[in-house]
Each structure stands twice: as C-alpha cells, then as structure tokens.
Amino acid sequence: MELKVTRSVFTDTTTLGKLYVDDDFYAFTCEDVIRDLTDGCSAKVQDETAISYGKYKVIVNYSNHFKKERALLLDVDCFEGIRIHGGNTNEDTEGCILIGAEVDMQTRIWNCAEKVEQLTAMIKAKQVQEDVWIMIEKG
C-alpha cells in the first residue's frame, strides 16, 4: 500500500493538498507551513512546521493523545509523533497531516472523522501483510 500527499496550496500559515491511496484520490490534506529543514532542525518553529518532503514508513498504533489507534509516520527528521488525523486548520496540527473530505483550498478542510477512521482501518489491515509507505511531494 502506497500513500502519497501532493502539496499544492501554500499560504503564510497553511499547506493544503491531496492524499492518494495507491494512486487513487482519497482525501484533502491540511498541514502547517513548510520550512527548509535541510540544514538541521534550527528553522523548525515548534507546532507550526510541516514535515519535510520525503518517504516515510507508516504504522497504526495506539495514540495516548487521541486515546485510540491512529496512523503514525516513522523516522521523521526533527519530529516525533507525526500522525494522520482529523482537524480543520493549521491550528489543529503540531506538524501532523490532517485529512478531510472537503476543502476550501485556502485555509481549511472538514468532514474528517469518516476519512480518518477508514484510512486507519485500511493501513492497519495492510501492515499485517506488507509495509505501508507515504510519500510527501510538491504538486
């Protein structure tokens, strides 16, 4: 199973894009601002920075924060606990990837719960058989 986030809208506070599952559109994404972290983590602004472009392994495990299982990205430089979850704006993320069914293509997404639950279940089922990866790229 291959997930892909294609980032396409960049504002002073928010990064919006689309999430694909095995090349099929699945949901809209909302993240914090992208900052250049190639020279280390010094450019990171705590709770206001999106993760770097790249490929990351994804697992589903229990989140103490959400008190339920959620997808977790592994080995993300400069970050810990990066998950895929619901939320509406960059204020609802600390570097995580928010997903939802609808978007205004400016600052927010919504109708998140069903998309999050379905994606979590899909990843959990697949990780038993194979590794699951997510690619973060510019659209």
Protein backbone atom coordinates (compact mmCIF):
# COMPACT_ATOMS: atom_id res chain seq x y z
CA MET A 1 0.00 0.00 0.00
CA GLU A 2 1.40 3.36 -1.03
CA LEU A 3 0.10 6.67 0.27
CA LYS A 4 1.02 9.97 -1.34
CA VAL A 5 0.46 13.55 -0.21
CA THR A 6 0.73 16.08 -3.01
CA ARG A 7 1.03 19.59 -1.59
CA SER A 8 -0.38 22.28 -3.88
CA VAL A 9 -1.61 25.34 -1.91
CA PHE A 10 0.91 27.31 0.15
CA THR A 11 -0.04 30.26 2.36
CA ASP A 12 1.72 32.07 5.19
CA THR A 13 0.11 29.70 7.72
CA THR A 14 -1.14 26.63 5.89
CA THR A 15 -0.23 23.97 3.35
CA LEU A 16 -3.10 22.21 1.58
CA GLY A 17 -3.01 19.24 -0.74
CA LYS A 18 -4.44 15.86 -1.61
CA LEU A 19 -3.89 12.37 -0.22
CA TYR A 20 -3.82 9.44 -2.63
CA VAL A 21 -4.05 5.75 -1.73
CA ASP A 22 -2.43 3.56 -4.39
CA ASP A 23 -2.73 6.47 -6.88
CA ASP A 24 -6.47 6.99 -6.22
CA PHE A 25 -7.60 10.29 -4.69
CA TYR A 26 -8.72 9.70 -1.10
CA ALA A 27 -8.90 12.98 0.87
CA PHE A 28 -7.76 16.57 1.13
CA THR A 29 -4.88 17.42 3.45
CA CYS A 30 -4.06 20.34 5.71
CA GLU A 31 -0.63 20.92 7.26
CA ASP A 32 1.44 23.65 8.80
CA VAL A 33 3.83 25.86 6.81
CA ILE A 34 6.75 24.20 5.03
CA ARG A 35 10.13 25.39 6.28
CA ASP A 36 13.57 24.44 4.94
CA LEU A 37 14.95 21.85 7.37
CA THR A 38 17.78 20.63 5.12
CA ASP A 39 20.42 22.20 7.38
CA GLY A 40 19.04 20.58 10.51
CA CYS A 41 16.16 21.48 12.74
CA SER A 42 17.07 25.10 13.51
CA ALA A 43 14.44 26.51 11.09
CA LYS A 44 11.66 24.49 12.71
CA VAL A 45 9.04 26.54 14.54
CA GLN A 46 7.51 24.32 17.23
CA ASP A 47 3.90 23.34 16.41
CA GLU A 48 3.95 25.48 13.24
CA THR A 49 6.08 23.50 10.80
CA ALA A 50 5.13 20.80 8.28
CA ILE A 51 7.32 17.73 7.93
CA SER A 52 9.89 17.65 5.13
CA TYR A 53 9.28 16.18 1.71
CA GLY A 54 10.23 12.52 1.52
CA LYS A 55 9.14 8.94 2.02
CA TYR A 56 8.19 7.58 5.44
CA LYS A 57 7.06 4.22 6.76
CA VAL A 58 3.57 4.29 8.31
CA ILE A 59 2.15 2.07 11.04
CA VAL A 60 -1.04 2.12 13.06
CA ASN A 61 -0.66 2.04 16.83
CA TYR A 62 -2.34 3.42 19.92
CA SER A 63 -2.07 7.16 20.42
CA ASN A 64 -2.03 8.34 24.02
CA HIS A 65 -3.03 11.80 22.78
CA PHE A 66 -6.10 10.65 20.84
CA LYS A 67 -6.87 7.64 23.10
CA LYS A 68 -7.36 5.45 20.03
CA GLU A 69 -5.39 3.96 17.19
CA ARG A 70 -4.08 6.35 14.55
CA ALA A 71 -1.55 6.16 11.71
CA LEU A 72 2.00 7.11 12.78
CA LEU A 73 4.84 8.16 10.47
CA LEU A 74 8.20 6.70 11.50
CA ASP A 75 11.67 8.25 11.44
CA VAL A 76 10.64 11.80 10.56
CA ASP A 77 13.67 14.08 11.00
CA CYS A 78 13.14 16.90 13.54
CA PHE A 79 9.75 15.48 14.64
CA GLU A 80 8.23 12.87 16.95
CA GLY A 81 4.68 11.55 16.99
CA ILE A 82 3.65 12.63 13.49
CA ARG A 83 0.22 11.15 12.84
CA ILE A 84 -2.54 11.29 10.26
CA HIS A 85 -5.70 12.54 11.96
CA GLY A 86 -8.67 14.85 11.66
CA GLY A 87 -8.82 18.60 12.15
CA ASN A 88 -9.86 21.67 10.23
CA THR A 89 -7.00 24.20 10.13
CA ASN A 90 -3.28 24.52 10.83
CA GLU A 91 -4.29 25.33 14.43
CA ASP A 92 -5.32 21.67 14.81
CA THR A 93 -1.90 20.24 13.97
CA GLU A 94 1.57 20.27 15.51
CA GLY A 95 3.22 19.02 12.33
CA CYS A 96 0.79 16.15 11.67
CA ILE A 97 -1.14 15.58 8.45
CA LEU A 98 -4.84 16.38 8.75
CA ILE A 99 -7.25 14.74 6.30
CA GLY A 100 -10.84 15.55 5.37
CA ALA A 101 -13.47 15.04 2.70
CA GLU A 102 -13.91 18.72 1.83
CA VAL A 103 -11.64 21.75 1.42
CA ASP A 104 -11.88 25.47 0.70
CA MET A 105 -8.42 25.36 -1.00
CA GLN A 106 -7.33 28.36 1.08
CA THR A 107 -7.10 27.56 4.79
CA ARG A 108 -9.24 24.65 5.91
CA ILE A 109 -10.64 21.15 5.46
CA TRP A 110 -13.65 19.50 7.09
CA ASN A 111 -15.71 16.28 7.31
CA CYS A 112 -12.71 14.44 8.70
CA ALA A 113 -13.90 11.67 11.02
CA GLU A 114 -15.05 9.10 8.46
CA LYS A 115 -11.95 9.59 6.29
CA VAL A 116 -9.64 9.16 9.31
CA GLU A 117 -11.42 6.04 10.57
CA GLN A 118 -11.43 4.40 7.13
CA LEU A 119 -7.77 5.19 6.41
CA THR A 120 -6.69 3.95 9.84
CA ALA A 121 -8.53 0.65 9.24
CA MET A 122 -7.02 0.26 5.74
CA ILE A 123 -3.47 0.82 6.98
CA LYS A 124 -3.96 -1.47 9.98
CA ALA A 125 -5.19 -4.30 7.73
CA LYS A 126 -2.36 -3.84 5.20
CA GLN A 127 0.50 -3.56 7.71
CA VAL A 128 -0.06 -7.19 8.68
CA GLN A 129 0.90 -8.27 5.14
CA GLU A 130 3.29 -5.59 3.93
CA ASP A 131 4.99 -2.31 4.79
CA VAL A 132 2.95 0.82 4.23
CA TRP A 133 4.71 3.96 2.99
CA ILE A 134 3.74 7.58 2.48
CA MET A 135 5.43 9.91 0.01
CA ILE A 136 5.21 13.65 0.66
CA GLU A 137 5.76 15.69 -2.51
CA LYS A 138 5.08 19.05 -4.12
CA GLY A 139 2.26 19.06 -6.62
